[in-house]
């Protein structure tokens, strides 16, 4: 749902590692995060965003950039 938005914001934050996992396609996240029943965005493998909205994603990207 927000994959396109995340891809459009990510280039503004080159210091942040962004990895999008697609349900039913990617499985390498399971050992680390477990089986997910709803969408989640993980930024720099340390910030988990479950309240997915454009404003929340922007806020968490900015927060991660400050920590980088």
PDB file of N, CA and C in Angstrom:
ATOM      1  N   UNK A   1       0.815  -1.178   0.000  1.00  0.00           N
ATOM      2  CA  UNK A   1       0.000   0.000   0.000  1.00  0.00           C
ATOM      3  C   UNK A   1       0.871   1.259   0.000  1.00  0.00           C
ATOM      4  N   UNK A   2       1.888   1.313   0.844  1.00  0.00           N
ATOM      5  CA  UNK A   2       2.763   2.469   0.932  1.00  0.00           C
ATOM      6  C   UNK A   2       4.122   2.230   0.291  1.00  0.00           C
ATOM      7  N   UNK A   3       4.289   1.136  -0.402  1.00  0.00           N
ATOM      8  CA  UNK A   3       5.582   0.806  -1.001  1.00  0.00           C
ATOM      9  C   UNK A   3       6.043   1.888  -1.964  1.00  0.00           C
ATOM     10  N   UNK A   4       5.168   2.370  -2.805  1.00  0.00           N
ATOM     11  CA  UNK A   4       5.527   3.423  -3.748  1.00  0.00           C
ATOM     12  C   UNK A   4       5.948   4.697  -3.045  1.00  0.00           C
ATOM     13  N   UNK A   5       5.250   5.044  -1.962  1.00  0.00           N
ATOM     14  CA  UNK A   5       5.596   6.237  -1.198  1.00  0.00           C
ATOM     15  C   UNK A   5       6.965   6.071  -0.547  1.00  0.00           C
ATOM     16  N   UNK A   6       7.216   4.908   0.052  1.00  0.00           N
ATOM     17  CA  UNK A   6       8.509   4.654   0.691  1.00  0.00           C
ATOM     18  C   UNK A   6       9.622   4.749  -0.349  1.00  0.00           C
ATOM     19  N   UNK A   7       9.412   4.175  -1.524  1.00  0.00           N
ATOM     20  CA  UNK A   7      10.423   4.249  -2.585  1.00  0.00           C
ATOM     21  C   UNK A   7      10.669   5.685  -3.033  1.00  0.00           C
ATOM     22  N   UNK A   8       9.650   6.524  -2.967  1.00  0.00           N
ATOM     23  CA  UNK A   8       9.827   7.917  -3.383  1.00  0.00           C
ATOM     24  C   UNK A   8      10.530   8.757  -2.315  1.00  0.00           C
ATOM     25  N   UNK A   9      10.382   8.385  -1.043  1.00  0.00           N
ATOM     26  CA  UNK A   9      11.000   9.125   0.056  1.00  0.00           C
ATOM     27  C   UNK A   9      12.437   8.655   0.302  1.00  0.00           C
ATOM     28  N   UNK A  10      12.715   7.405   0.116  1.00  0.00           N
ATOM     29  CA  UNK A  10      14.013   6.812   0.440  1.00  0.00           C
ATOM     30  C   UNK A  10      15.207   7.540  -0.182  1.00  0.00           C
ATOM     31  N   UNK A  11      15.162   7.977  -1.435  1.00  0.00           N
ATOM     32  CA  UNK A  11      16.333   8.672  -1.997  1.00  0.00           C
ATOM     33  C   UNK A  11      16.707   9.964  -1.268  1.00  0.00           C
ATOM     34  N   UNK A  12      15.756  10.557  -0.543  1.00  0.00           N
ATOM     35  CA  UNK A  12      16.044  11.767   0.228  1.00  0.00           C
ATOM     36  C   UNK A  12      16.857  11.464   1.481  1.00  0.00           C
ATOM     37  N   UNK A  13      16.969  10.203   1.838  1.00  0.00           N
ATOM     38  CA  UNK A  13      17.674   9.772   3.040  1.00  0.00           C
ATOM     39  C   UNK A  13      18.671   8.660   2.696  1.00  0.00           C
ATOM     40  N   UNK A  14      19.773   8.989   2.011  1.00  0.00           N
ATOM     41  CA  UNK A  14      20.716   7.941   1.588  1.00  0.00           C
ATOM     42  C   UNK A  14      21.397   7.217   2.750  1.00  0.00           C
ATOM     43  N   UNK A  15      21.377   7.815   3.943  1.00  0.00           N
ATOM     44  CA  UNK A  15      22.014   7.184   5.099  1.00  0.00           C
ATOM     45  C   UNK A  15      21.140   6.112   5.739  1.00  0.00           C
ATOM     46  N   UNK A  16      19.928   5.959   5.231  1.00  0.00           N
ATOM     47  CA  UNK A  16      18.990   4.993   5.787  1.00  0.00           C
ATOM     48  C   UNK A  16      18.872   3.792   4.866  1.00  0.00           C
ATOM     49  N   UNK A  17      18.957   2.615   5.458  1.00  0.00           N
ATOM     50  CA  UNK A  17      18.772   1.377   4.703  1.00  0.00           C
ATOM     51  C   UNK A  17      17.285   1.064   4.636  1.00  0.00           C
ATOM     52  N   UNK A  18      16.785   0.918   3.424  1.00  0.00           N
ATOM     53  CA  UNK A  18      15.370   0.622   3.232  1.00  0.00           C
ATOM     54  C   UNK A  18      15.246  -0.722   2.537  1.00  0.00           C
ATOM     55  N   UNK A  19      14.445  -1.581   3.106  1.00  0.00           N
ATOM     56  CA  UNK A  19      14.198  -2.896   2.515  1.00  0.00           C
ATOM     57  C   UNK A  19      12.707  -3.140   2.569  1.00  0.00           C
ATOM     58  N   UNK A  20      12.123  -3.391   1.430  1.00  0.00           N
ATOM     59  CA  UNK A  20      10.693  -3.667   1.365  1.00  0.00           C
ATOM     60  C   UNK A  20      10.492  -5.170   1.227  1.00  0.00           C
ATOM     61  N   UNK A  21       9.692  -5.731   2.093  1.00  0.00           N
ATOM     62  CA  UNK A  21       9.360  -7.147   2.041  1.00  0.00           C
ATOM     63  C   UNK A  21       7.953  -7.289   1.482  1.00  0.00           C
ATOM     64  N   UNK A  22       7.815  -8.147   0.506  1.00  0.00           N
ATOM     65  CA  UNK A  22       6.504  -8.371  -0.090  1.00  0.00           C
ATOM     66  C   UNK A  22       5.925  -9.675   0.449  1.00  0.00           C
ATOM     67  N   UNK A  23       4.753  -9.570   1.040  1.00  0.00           N
ATOM     68  CA  UNK A  23       4.092 -10.741   1.612  1.00  0.00           C
ATOM     69  C   UNK A  23       3.847 -11.784   0.536  1.00  0.00           C
ATOM     70  N   UNK A  24       4.148 -13.026   0.861  1.00  0.00           N
ATOM     71  CA  UNK A  24       3.941 -14.120  -0.066  1.00  0.00           C
ATOM     72  C   UNK A  24       5.073 -14.319  -1.050  1.00  0.00           C
ATOM     73  N   UNK A  25       6.010 -13.374  -1.088  1.00  0.00           N
ATOM     74  CA  UNK A  25       7.140 -13.476  -2.009  1.00  0.00           C
ATOM     75  C   UNK A  25       8.441 -13.617  -1.229  1.00  0.00           C
ATOM     76  N   UNK A  26       8.683 -12.691  -0.310  1.00  0.00           N
ATOM     77  CA  UNK A  26       9.902 -12.714   0.498  1.00  0.00           C
ATOM     78  C   UNK A  26       9.664 -13.500   1.784  1.00  0.00           C
ATOM     79  N   UNK A  27      10.651 -14.277   2.148  1.00  0.00           N
ATOM     80  CA  UNK A  27      10.536 -15.036   3.400  1.00  0.00           C
ATOM     81  C   UNK A  27      11.759 -14.865   4.295  1.00  0.00           C
ATOM     82  N   UNK A  28      12.782 -14.172   3.822  1.00  0.00           N
ATOM     83  CA  UNK A  28      14.004 -14.059   4.605  1.00  0.00           C
ATOM     84  C   UNK A  28      13.842 -13.187   5.854  1.00  0.00           C
ATOM     85  N   UNK A  29      12.744 -12.471   5.983  1.00  0.00           N
ATOM     86  CA  UNK A  29      12.505 -11.670   7.179  1.00  0.00           C
ATOM     87  C   UNK A  29      11.973 -12.512   8.342  1.00  0.00           C
ATOM     88  N   UNK A  30      11.442 -13.679   8.072  1.00  0.00           N
ATOM     89  CA  UNK A  30      10.761 -14.480   9.097  1.00  0.00           C
ATOM     90  C   UNK A  30      11.661 -14.823  10.288  1.00  0.00           C
ATOM     91  N   UNK A  31      12.901 -15.283  10.096  1.00  0.00           N
ATOM     92  CA  UNK A  31      13.713 -15.593  11.281  1.00  0.00           C
ATOM     93  C   UNK A  31      13.948 -14.387  12.190  1.00  0.00           C
ATOM     94  N   UNK A  32      14.023 -13.205  11.615  1.00  0.00           N
ATOM     95  CA  UNK A  32      14.317 -12.018  12.410  1.00  0.00           C
ATOM     96  C   UNK A  32      13.061 -11.377  13.009  1.00  0.00           C
ATOM     97  N   UNK A  33      11.990 -11.285  12.231  1.00  0.00           N
ATOM     98  CA  UNK A  33      10.799 -10.563  12.670  1.00  0.00           C
ATOM     99  C   UNK A  33       9.597 -11.461  12.929  1.00  0.00           C
ATOM    100  N   UNK A  34       9.687 -12.724  12.553  1.00  0.00           N
ATOM    101  CA  UNK A  34       8.563 -13.636  12.713  1.00  0.00           C
ATOM    102  C   UNK A  34       7.558 -13.475  11.588  1.00  0.00           C
ATOM    103  N   UNK A  35       6.523 -14.261  11.651  1.00  0.00           N
ATOM    104  CA  UNK A  35       5.474 -14.180  10.641  1.00  0.00           C
ATOM    105  C   UNK A  35       4.593 -12.984  10.988  1.00  0.00           C
ATOM    106  N   UNK A  36       4.403 -12.129  10.011  1.00  0.00           N
ATOM    107  CA  UNK A  36       3.638 -10.912  10.229  1.00  0.00           C
ATOM    108  C   UNK A  36       2.233 -11.062   9.676  1.00  0.00           C
ATOM    109  N   UNK A  37       1.279 -10.536  10.413  1.00  0.00           N
ATOM    110  CA  UNK A  37      -0.112 -10.608   9.961  1.00  0.00           C
ATOM    111  C   UNK A  37      -0.596  -9.280   9.392  1.00  0.00           C
ATOM    112  N   UNK A  38       0.224  -8.230   9.538  1.00  0.00           N
ATOM    113  CA  UNK A  38      -0.109  -6.951   8.934  1.00  0.00           C
ATOM    114  C   UNK A  38       1.175  -6.284   8.468  1.00  0.00           C
ATOM    115  N   UNK A  39       1.019  -5.278   7.660  1.00  0.00           N
ATOM    116  CA  UNK A  39       2.175  -4.601   7.091  1.00  0.00           C
ATOM    117  C   UNK A  39       2.997  -3.914   8.169  1.00  0.00           C
ATOM    118  N   UNK A  40       4.301  -3.923   7.948  1.00  0.00           N
ATOM    119  CA  UNK A  40       5.225  -3.272   8.873  1.00  0.00           C
ATOM    120  C   UNK A  40       6.387  -2.733   8.044  1.00  0.00           C
ATOM    121  N   UNK A  41       6.878  -1.575   8.434  1.00  0.00           N
ATOM    122  CA  UNK A  41       8.039  -0.974   7.803  1.00  0.00           C
ATOM    123  C   UNK A  41       9.147  -0.972   8.829  1.00  0.00           C
ATOM    124  N   UNK A  42      10.297  -1.529   8.495  1.00  0.00           N
ATOM    125  CA  UNK A  42      11.438  -1.554   9.398  1.00  0.00           C
ATOM    126  C   UNK A  42      12.517  -0.665   8.783  1.00  0.00           C
ATOM    127  N   UNK A  43      12.941   0.339   9.548  1.00  0.00           N
ATOM    128  CA  UNK A  43      13.942   1.291   9.083  1.00  0.00           C
ATOM    129  C   UNK A  43      15.240   1.029   9.817  1.00  0.00           C
ATOM    130  N   UNK A  44      16.315   0.832   9.048  1.00  0.00           N
ATOM    131  CA  UNK A  44      17.644   0.573   9.613  1.00  0.00           C
ATOM    132  C   UNK A  44      17.639  -0.587  10.614  1.00  0.00           C
ATOM    133  N   UNK A  45      16.774  -1.527  10.417  1.00  0.00           N
ATOM    134  CA  UNK A  45      16.641  -2.703  11.275  1.00  0.00           C
ATOM    135  C   UNK A  45      16.494  -2.342  12.749  1.00  0.00           C
ATOM    136  N   UNK A  46      15.993  -1.129  13.035  1.00  0.00           N
ATOM    137  CA  UNK A  46      15.845  -0.750  14.431  1.00  0.00           C
ATOM    138  C   UNK A  46      14.517  -0.063  14.728  1.00  0.00           C
ATOM    139  N   UNK A  47      13.897   0.551  13.749  1.00  0.00           N
ATOM    140  CA  UNK A  47      12.633   1.243  13.970  1.00  0.00           C
ATOM    141  C   UNK A  47      11.539   0.492  13.224  1.00  0.00           C
ATOM    142  N   UNK A  48      10.586  -0.028  13.960  1.00  0.00           N
ATOM    143  CA  UNK A  48       9.465  -0.739  13.353  1.00  0.00           C
ATOM    144  C   UNK A  48       8.258   0.180  13.336  1.00  0.00           C
ATOM    145  N   UNK A  49       7.739   0.422  12.150  1.00  0.00           N
ATOM    146  CA  UNK A  49       6.594   1.303  11.986  1.00  0.00           C
ATOM    147  C   UNK A  49       5.382   0.447  11.659  1.00  0.00           C
ATOM    148  N   UNK A  50       4.422   0.416  12.567  1.00  0.00           N
ATOM    149  CA  UNK A  50       3.205  -0.355  12.316  1.00  0.00           C
ATOM    150  C   UNK A  50       2.026   0.551  12.010  1.00  0.00           C
ATOM    151  N   UNK A  51       2.113   1.815  12.432  1.00  0.00           N
ATOM    152  CA  UNK A  51       1.078   2.793  12.126  1.00  0.00           C
ATOM    153  C   UNK A  51       1.445   3.418  10.792  1.00  0.00           C
ATOM    154  N   UNK A  52       1.119   2.742   9.713  1.00  0.00           N
ATOM    155  CA  UNK A  52       1.550   3.199   8.401  1.00  0.00           C
ATOM    156  C   UNK A  52       0.653   4.308   7.872  1.00  0.00           C
ATOM    157  N   UNK A  53       1.248   5.457   7.761  1.00  0.00           N
ATOM    158  CA  UNK A  53       0.633   6.613   7.132  1.00  0.00           C
ATOM    159  C   UNK A  53       1.780   7.439   6.571  1.00  0.00           C
ATOM    160  N   UNK A  54       1.486   8.295   5.631  1.00  0.00           N
ATOM    161  CA  UNK A  54       2.556   9.099   5.034  1.00  0.00           C
ATOM    162  C   UNK A  54       3.246   9.964   6.079  1.00  0.00           C
ATOM    163  N   UNK A  55       2.484  10.558   6.973  1.00  0.00           N
ATOM    164  CA  UNK A  55       3.096  11.417   7.991  1.00  0.00           C
ATOM    165  C   UNK A  55       3.959  10.605   8.961  1.00  0.00           C
ATOM    166  N   UNK A  56       3.508   9.418   9.355  1.00  0.00           N
ATOM    167  CA  UNK A  56       4.290   8.569  10.264  1.00  0.00           C
ATOM    168  C   UNK A  56       5.575   8.103   9.592  1.00  0.00           C
ATOM    169  N   UNK A  57       5.498   7.756   8.327  1.00  0.00           N
ATOM    170  CA  UNK A  57       6.682   7.300   7.602  1.00  0.00           C
ATOM    171  C   UNK A  57       7.689   8.439   7.488  1.00  0.00           C
ATOM    172  N   UNK A  58       7.235   9.637   7.125  1.00  0.00           N
ATOM    173  CA  UNK A  58       8.142  10.793   7.040  1.00  0.00           C
ATOM    174  C   UNK A  58       8.802  11.068   8.395  1.00  0.00           C
ATOM    175  N   UNK A  59       8.006  11.046   9.469  1.00  0.00           N
ATOM    176  CA  UNK A  59       8.523  11.320  10.808  1.00  0.00           C
ATOM    177  C   UNK A  59       9.593  10.309  11.195  1.00  0.00           C
ATOM    178  N   UNK A  60       9.343   9.033  10.935  1.00  0.00           N
ATOM    179  CA  UNK A  60      10.295   7.996  11.319  1.00  0.00           C
ATOM    180  C   UNK A  60      11.540   8.010  10.446  1.00  0.00           C
ATOM    181  N   UNK A  61      11.419   8.388   9.176  1.00  0.00           N
ATOM    182  CA  UNK A  61      12.598   8.555   8.331  1.00  0.00           C
ATOM    183  C   UNK A  61      13.476   9.672   8.886  1.00  0.00           C
ATOM    184  N   UNK A  62      12.864  10.787   9.261  1.00  0.00           N
ATOM    185  CA  UNK A  62      13.635  11.915   9.821  1.00  0.00           C
ATOM    186  C   UNK A  62      14.322  11.515  11.114  1.00  0.00           C
ATOM    187  N   UNK A  63      13.612  10.773  11.976  1.00  0.00           N
ATOM    188  CA  UNK A  63      14.190  10.324  13.227  1.00  0.00           C
ATOM    189  C   UNK A  63      15.378   9.392  12.994  1.00  0.00           C
ATOM    190  N   UNK A  64      15.224   8.475  12.043  1.00  0.00           N
ATOM    191  CA  UNK A  64      16.314   7.544  11.720  1.00  0.00           C
ATOM    192  C   UNK A  64      17.518   8.283  11.139  1.00  0.00           C
ATOM    193  N   UNK A  65      17.260   9.306  10.331  1.00  0.00           N
ATOM    194  CA  UNK A  65      18.353  10.077   9.738  1.00  0.00           C
ATOM    195  C   UNK A  65      19.153  10.800  10.819  1.00  0.00           C
ATOM    196  N   UNK A  66      18.486  11.277  11.858  1.00  0.00           N
ATOM    197  CA  UNK A  66      19.191  11.951  12.949  1.00  0.00           C
ATOM    198  C   UNK A  66      20.076  10.989  13.717  1.00  0.00           C
ATOM    199  N   UNK A  67      19.646   9.731  13.812  1.00  0.00           N
ATOM    200  CA  UNK A  67      20.424   8.725  14.550  1.00  0.00           C
ATOM    201  C   UNK A  67      21.594   8.183  13.723  1.00  0.00           C
ATOM    202  N   UNK A  68      21.525   8.344  12.401  1.00  0.00           N
ATOM    203  CA  UNK A  68      22.561   7.778  11.513  1.00  0.00           C
ATOM    204  C   UNK A  68      23.833   8.575  11.561  1.00  0.00           C
TER     205      UNK A  68
END
